[in-house]
């Protein structure tokens, strides 16, 4: 019931921290998309324990195909490089083929498959 408030709090936490940011893309002065990015710190058991994560990357329908997502991605990589992050991750839903192919074009590869089961 408090999903919006919880999510809002979570996003604001990342915006205010030194390990997260929200990027906004504009086209002709109008918001065309955004990306929420942050640095994940994994337990030392992982070979890569500091990872840049593109938590969200969204482009409004009428602005898709114009390179807005690519520009957001480029700005995200600049931000991560300034933070000395060497590896990036993102998640794409199964069956969401267009974004998946774009991410592959950007150099991302499938790393693992998360499986879920409702109890």
N, C-alpha and C. Protein backbone atom coordinates (compact mmCIF):
# COMPACT_ATOMS: atom_id res chain seq x y z
N UNK A 1 0.81 -1.22 0.00
CA UNK A 1 0.00 0.00 0.00
C UNK A 1 0.85 1.27 0.00
N UNK A 2 2.07 1.20 0.50
CA UNK A 2 2.94 2.38 0.55
C UNK A 2 4.05 2.29 -0.50
N UNK A 3 3.78 1.62 -1.61
CA UNK A 3 4.82 1.39 -2.61
C UNK A 3 5.42 2.69 -3.12
N UNK A 4 4.58 3.65 -3.46
CA UNK A 4 5.10 4.91 -4.01
C UNK A 4 5.99 5.62 -3.00
N UNK A 5 5.53 5.71 -1.75
CA UNK A 5 6.32 6.40 -0.72
C UNK A 5 7.64 5.68 -0.46
N UNK A 6 7.60 4.35 -0.43
CA UNK A 6 8.82 3.58 -0.19
C UNK A 6 9.81 3.77 -1.34
N UNK A 7 9.28 3.72 -2.56
CA UNK A 7 10.14 3.89 -3.72
C UNK A 7 10.72 5.30 -3.75
N UNK A 8 9.89 6.29 -3.46
CA UNK A 8 10.34 7.68 -3.43
C UNK A 8 11.48 7.84 -2.42
N UNK A 9 11.34 7.26 -1.26
CA UNK A 9 12.38 7.33 -0.22
C UNK A 9 13.66 6.67 -0.71
N UNK A 10 13.53 5.52 -1.36
CA UNK A 10 14.68 4.77 -1.86
C UNK A 10 15.43 5.57 -2.93
N UNK A 11 14.69 6.18 -3.86
CA UNK A 11 15.32 6.98 -4.92
C UNK A 11 16.01 8.20 -4.31
N UNK A 12 15.35 8.89 -3.40
CA UNK A 12 15.95 10.07 -2.77
C UNK A 12 17.23 9.73 -2.01
N UNK A 13 17.26 8.55 -1.41
CA UNK A 13 18.46 8.10 -0.71
C UNK A 13 19.63 8.05 -1.69
N UNK A 14 19.40 7.50 -2.88
CA UNK A 14 20.47 7.39 -3.88
C UNK A 14 20.85 8.76 -4.43
N UNK A 15 19.89 9.63 -4.63
CA UNK A 15 20.19 10.96 -5.15
C UNK A 15 21.08 11.73 -4.19
N UNK A 16 20.80 11.61 -2.92
CA UNK A 16 21.53 12.38 -1.90
C UNK A 16 22.89 11.78 -1.56
N UNK A 17 23.12 10.53 -1.92
CA UNK A 17 24.38 9.89 -1.55
C UNK A 17 25.46 10.19 -2.59
N UNK A 18 26.68 9.91 -2.23
CA UNK A 18 27.78 10.07 -3.18
C UNK A 18 27.91 8.86 -4.08
N UNK A 19 27.09 7.84 -3.84
CA UNK A 19 27.19 6.61 -4.62
C UNK A 19 25.99 6.40 -5.55
N UNK A 20 25.22 7.45 -5.79
CA UNK A 20 24.08 7.32 -6.68
C UNK A 20 23.74 8.63 -7.36
N UNK A 21 22.97 8.54 -8.43
CA UNK A 21 22.58 9.73 -9.17
C UNK A 21 21.35 9.41 -10.02
N UNK A 22 20.62 10.44 -10.38
CA UNK A 22 19.54 10.33 -11.35
C UNK A 22 19.88 11.27 -12.50
N UNK A 23 19.88 10.73 -13.69
CA UNK A 23 20.15 11.51 -14.89
C UNK A 23 18.83 11.76 -15.61
N UNK A 24 18.62 12.98 -16.07
CA UNK A 24 17.40 13.35 -16.77
C UNK A 24 17.77 13.75 -18.20
N UNK A 25 17.05 13.19 -19.17
CA UNK A 25 17.26 13.54 -20.58
C UNK A 25 16.13 14.45 -21.02
N UNK A 26 16.49 15.52 -21.71
CA UNK A 26 15.49 16.45 -22.25
C UNK A 26 15.63 16.53 -23.76
N UNK A 27 14.49 16.68 -24.42
CA UNK A 27 14.45 16.95 -25.86
C UNK A 27 13.54 18.16 -26.03
N UNK A 28 14.10 19.22 -26.58
CA UNK A 28 13.36 20.47 -26.78
C UNK A 28 12.73 20.97 -25.47
N UNK A 29 13.49 20.86 -24.38
CA UNK A 29 13.03 21.36 -23.08
C UNK A 29 12.03 20.48 -22.37
N UNK A 30 11.74 19.30 -22.91
CA UNK A 30 10.78 18.41 -22.28
C UNK A 30 11.49 17.13 -21.83
N UNK A 31 11.07 16.62 -20.68
CA UNK A 31 11.68 15.40 -20.16
C UNK A 31 11.36 14.25 -21.11
N UNK A 32 12.44 13.59 -21.60
CA UNK A 32 12.29 12.48 -22.54
C UNK A 32 12.60 11.14 -21.90
N UNK A 33 13.33 11.17 -20.79
CA UNK A 33 13.70 9.93 -20.13
C UNK A 33 14.57 10.20 -18.93
N UNK A 34 14.92 9.13 -18.23
CA UNK A 34 15.77 9.26 -17.06
C UNK A 34 16.51 7.96 -16.81
N UNK A 35 17.51 8.02 -15.97
CA UNK A 35 18.23 6.83 -15.53
C UNK A 35 18.61 6.99 -14.06
N UNK A 36 18.35 5.96 -13.29
CA UNK A 36 18.76 5.89 -11.89
C UNK A 36 19.98 4.99 -11.85
N UNK A 37 21.10 5.53 -11.39
CA UNK A 37 22.35 4.76 -11.34
C UNK A 37 22.92 4.82 -9.93
N UNK A 38 23.61 3.75 -9.55
CA UNK A 38 24.23 3.72 -8.23
C UNK A 38 25.32 2.66 -8.18
N UNK A 39 26.13 2.75 -7.16
CA UNK A 39 27.23 1.81 -6.97
C UNK A 39 26.81 0.78 -5.94
N UNK A 40 26.95 -0.48 -6.33
CA UNK A 40 26.67 -1.60 -5.43
C UNK A 40 27.98 -2.08 -4.82
N UNK A 41 27.95 -2.42 -3.55
CA UNK A 41 29.08 -3.04 -2.91
C UNK A 41 28.66 -4.44 -2.50
N UNK A 42 29.28 -5.42 -3.10
CA UNK A 42 28.96 -6.82 -2.85
C UNK A 42 29.90 -7.38 -1.78
N UNK A 43 29.52 -8.46 -1.15
CA UNK A 43 30.39 -9.07 -0.13
C UNK A 43 31.75 -9.46 -0.73
N UNK A 44 32.79 -9.50 0.10
CA UNK A 44 34.14 -9.80 -0.39
C UNK A 44 34.28 -11.17 -1.07
N UNK A 45 33.32 -12.07 -0.86
CA UNK A 45 33.39 -13.38 -1.50
C UNK A 45 33.28 -13.28 -3.02
N UNK A 46 32.71 -12.19 -3.51
CA UNK A 46 32.58 -11.99 -4.94
C UNK A 46 33.88 -11.45 -5.52
N UNK A 47 34.26 -11.96 -6.68
CA UNK A 47 35.48 -11.49 -7.33
C UNK A 47 35.38 -10.00 -7.65
N UNK A 48 34.24 -9.59 -8.18
CA UNK A 48 33.98 -8.17 -8.42
C UNK A 48 33.06 -7.71 -7.29
N UNK A 49 33.59 -6.90 -6.40
CA UNK A 49 32.77 -6.52 -5.24
C UNK A 49 32.30 -5.06 -5.28
N UNK A 50 32.72 -4.32 -6.27
CA UNK A 50 32.25 -2.94 -6.45
C UNK A 50 31.76 -2.82 -7.88
N UNK A 51 30.48 -2.51 -8.01
CA UNK A 51 29.83 -2.63 -9.30
C UNK A 51 28.91 -1.44 -9.53
N UNK A 52 29.04 -0.80 -10.67
CA UNK A 52 28.10 0.24 -11.04
C UNK A 52 26.82 -0.41 -11.55
N UNK A 53 25.69 0.09 -11.11
CA UNK A 53 24.43 -0.53 -11.51
C UNK A 53 23.50 0.51 -12.13
N UNK A 54 23.01 0.18 -13.32
CA UNK A 54 21.99 1.00 -13.95
C UNK A 54 20.67 0.41 -13.50
N UNK A 55 20.11 0.99 -12.45
CA UNK A 55 18.91 0.46 -11.84
C UNK A 55 17.68 0.67 -12.71
N UNK A 56 17.65 1.79 -13.39
CA UNK A 56 16.54 2.09 -14.29
C UNK A 56 17.08 2.93 -15.44
N UNK A 57 16.53 2.67 -16.60
CA UNK A 57 16.81 3.50 -17.77
C UNK A 57 15.51 3.49 -18.56
N UNK A 58 14.85 4.63 -18.59
CA UNK A 58 13.53 4.73 -19.22
C UNK A 58 13.50 5.90 -20.19
N UNK A 59 12.96 5.63 -21.38
CA UNK A 59 12.75 6.68 -22.38
C UNK A 59 11.27 6.65 -22.75
N UNK A 60 10.62 7.82 -22.71
CA UNK A 60 9.21 7.92 -23.09
C UNK A 60 9.02 7.46 -24.54
N UNK A 61 7.89 6.83 -24.80
CA UNK A 61 7.60 6.24 -26.10
C UNK A 61 7.93 7.09 -27.31
N UNK A 62 7.48 8.34 -27.32
CA UNK A 62 7.67 9.17 -28.52
C UNK A 62 9.11 9.59 -28.74
N UNK A 63 9.97 9.37 -27.74
CA UNK A 63 11.38 9.73 -27.88
C UNK A 63 12.27 8.52 -28.14
N UNK A 64 11.67 7.33 -28.19
CA UNK A 64 12.45 6.12 -28.45
C UNK A 64 12.93 6.11 -29.89
N UNK A 65 14.13 5.58 -30.08
CA UNK A 65 14.71 5.52 -31.41
C UNK A 65 15.45 6.77 -31.82
N UNK A 66 15.54 7.74 -30.91
CA UNK A 66 16.22 9.01 -31.21
C UNK A 66 17.61 9.09 -30.56
N UNK A 67 18.04 8.02 -29.89
CA UNK A 67 19.35 8.03 -29.23
C UNK A 67 19.33 8.55 -27.82
N UNK A 68 18.14 8.80 -27.27
CA UNK A 68 18.04 9.33 -25.90
C UNK A 68 18.62 8.33 -24.90
N UNK A 69 18.26 7.06 -25.05
CA UNK A 69 18.78 6.03 -24.15
C UNK A 69 20.28 5.91 -24.24
N UNK A 70 20.81 6.00 -25.44
CA UNK A 70 22.27 5.92 -25.62
C UNK A 70 22.97 7.10 -24.95
N UNK A 71 22.36 8.28 -25.03
CA UNK A 71 22.96 9.44 -24.37
C UNK A 71 22.92 9.29 -22.85
N UNK A 72 21.82 8.78 -22.33
CA UNK A 72 21.75 8.51 -20.88
C UNK A 72 22.83 7.51 -20.48
N UNK A 73 22.98 6.47 -21.27
CA UNK A 73 23.99 5.46 -20.99
C UNK A 73 25.40 6.06 -21.00
N UNK A 74 25.69 6.90 -22.00
CA UNK A 74 27.01 7.52 -22.08
C UNK A 74 27.29 8.40 -20.87
N UNK A 75 26.28 9.16 -20.44
CA UNK A 75 26.46 10.01 -19.25
C UNK A 75 26.64 9.15 -18.00
N UNK A 76 25.92 8.04 -17.94
CA UNK A 76 26.08 7.13 -16.80
C UNK A 76 27.50 6.58 -16.75
N UNK A 77 28.04 6.17 -17.90
CA UNK A 77 29.40 5.62 -17.90
C UNK A 77 30.41 6.68 -17.51
N UNK A 78 30.20 7.93 -17.92
CA UNK A 78 31.09 9.02 -17.49
C UNK A 78 31.06 9.16 -15.97
N UNK A 79 29.85 9.13 -15.41
CA UNK A 79 29.70 9.28 -13.95
C UNK A 79 30.40 8.13 -13.23
N UNK A 80 30.19 6.90 -13.72
CA UNK A 80 30.83 5.75 -13.09
C UNK A 80 32.35 5.82 -13.20
N UNK A 81 32.86 6.26 -14.33
CA UNK A 81 34.32 6.38 -14.48
C UNK A 81 34.89 7.40 -13.50
N UNK A 82 34.17 8.52 -13.31
CA UNK A 82 34.63 9.52 -12.32
C UNK A 82 34.67 8.92 -10.92
N UNK A 83 33.80 7.96 -10.67
CA UNK A 83 33.75 7.28 -9.37
C UNK A 83 34.68 6.08 -9.31
N UNK A 84 35.46 5.88 -10.37
CA UNK A 84 36.43 4.79 -10.47
C UNK A 84 35.81 3.41 -10.41
N UNK A 85 34.64 3.29 -10.99
CA UNK A 85 33.95 2.01 -11.10
C UNK A 85 34.42 1.36 -12.40
N UNK A 86 34.75 0.08 -12.35
CA UNK A 86 35.30 -0.61 -13.51
C UNK A 86 34.33 -1.58 -14.17
N UNK A 87 33.25 -1.95 -13.48
CA UNK A 87 32.30 -2.91 -14.02
C UNK A 87 30.88 -2.39 -13.84
N UNK A 88 30.03 -2.65 -14.84
CA UNK A 88 28.64 -2.21 -14.79
C UNK A 88 27.70 -3.41 -14.87
N UNK A 89 26.51 -3.22 -14.32
CA UNK A 89 25.47 -4.23 -14.44
C UNK A 89 24.13 -3.54 -14.65
N UNK A 90 23.20 -4.30 -15.17
CA UNK A 90 21.81 -3.87 -15.28
C UNK A 90 20.96 -5.12 -15.37
N UNK A 91 19.66 -4.95 -15.23
CA UNK A 91 18.73 -6.08 -15.30
C UNK A 91 17.72 -5.77 -16.38
N UNK A 92 17.38 -6.77 -17.15
CA UNK A 92 16.34 -6.63 -18.17
C UNK A 92 15.39 -7.82 -18.01
N UNK A 93 14.11 -7.55 -18.10
CA UNK A 93 13.12 -8.60 -17.94
C UNK A 93 13.13 -9.56 -19.12
N UNK A 94 12.92 -10.82 -18.81
CA UNK A 94 12.82 -11.84 -19.84
C UNK A 94 11.71 -11.46 -20.82
N UNK A 95 11.99 -11.58 -22.09
CA UNK A 95 11.00 -11.24 -23.11
C UNK A 95 11.02 -9.79 -23.54
N UNK A 96 11.79 -8.96 -22.85
CA UNK A 96 11.90 -7.55 -23.22
C UNK A 96 13.05 -7.44 -24.22
N UNK A 97 12.80 -7.95 -25.43
CA UNK A 97 13.86 -8.19 -26.40
C UNK A 97 14.54 -6.94 -26.95
N UNK A 98 13.78 -5.87 -27.19
CA UNK A 98 14.40 -4.67 -27.76
C UNK A 98 15.45 -4.08 -26.82
N UNK A 99 15.11 -3.80 -25.55
CA UNK A 99 16.17 -3.30 -24.67
C UNK A 99 17.33 -4.29 -24.53
N UNK A 100 17.02 -5.57 -24.47
CA UNK A 100 18.07 -6.58 -24.35
C UNK A 100 19.06 -6.47 -25.51
N UNK A 101 18.55 -6.31 -26.72
CA UNK A 101 19.44 -6.20 -27.88
C UNK A 101 20.24 -4.89 -27.86
N UNK A 102 19.63 -3.83 -27.35
CA UNK A 102 20.36 -2.55 -27.23
C UNK A 102 21.49 -2.70 -26.22
N UNK A 103 21.20 -3.32 -25.08
CA UNK A 103 22.24 -3.50 -24.06
C UNK A 103 23.38 -4.36 -24.59
N UNK A 104 23.06 -5.37 -25.38
CA UNK A 104 24.12 -6.19 -25.98
C UNK A 104 24.96 -5.33 -26.93
N UNK A 105 24.31 -4.44 -27.67
CA UNK A 105 25.04 -3.55 -28.58
C UNK A 105 26.00 -2.66 -27.79
N UNK A 106 25.61 -2.29 -26.58
CA UNK A 106 26.46 -1.46 -25.72
C UNK A 106 27.58 -2.26 -25.07
N UNK A 107 27.59 -3.57 -25.27
CA UNK A 107 28.67 -4.40 -24.72
C UNK A 107 28.29 -5.23 -23.50
N UNK A 108 27.05 -5.15 -23.06
CA UNK A 108 26.62 -5.98 -21.93
C UNK A 108 26.41 -7.41 -22.41
N UNK A 109 26.59 -8.36 -21.52
CA UNK A 109 26.37 -9.77 -21.85
C UNK A 109 25.57 -10.42 -20.73
N UNK A 110 24.88 -11.50 -21.06
CA UNK A 110 24.11 -12.23 -20.06
C UNK A 110 25.08 -12.88 -19.09
N UNK A 111 24.85 -12.66 -17.80
CA UNK A 111 25.75 -13.18 -16.78
C UNK A 111 25.12 -14.32 -15.99
N UNK A 112 23.90 -14.16 -15.56
CA UNK A 112 23.22 -15.23 -14.85
C UNK A 112 21.73 -15.10 -15.05
N UNK A 113 21.03 -16.15 -14.75
CA UNK A 113 19.58 -16.16 -14.85
C UNK A 113 19.02 -16.25 -13.44
N UNK A 114 18.19 -15.31 -13.10
CA UNK A 114 17.51 -15.33 -11.81
C UNK A 114 16.18 -16.07 -12.00
N UNK A 115 15.95 -17.03 -11.14
CA UNK A 115 14.70 -17.79 -11.21
C UNK A 115 13.89 -17.47 -9.96
N UNK A 116 12.57 -17.42 -10.13
CA UNK A 116 11.68 -17.11 -9.00
C UNK A 116 10.55 -18.11 -8.94
N UNK A 117 10.01 -18.23 -7.74
CA UNK A 117 8.87 -19.10 -7.52
C UNK A 117 7.97 -18.47 -6.46
N UNK A 118 6.71 -18.43 -6.73
CA UNK A 118 5.77 -17.90 -5.77
C UNK A 118 5.39 -19.01 -4.80
N UNK A 119 5.42 -18.73 -3.52
CA UNK A 119 5.04 -19.71 -2.49
C UNK A 119 3.60 -19.50 -2.04
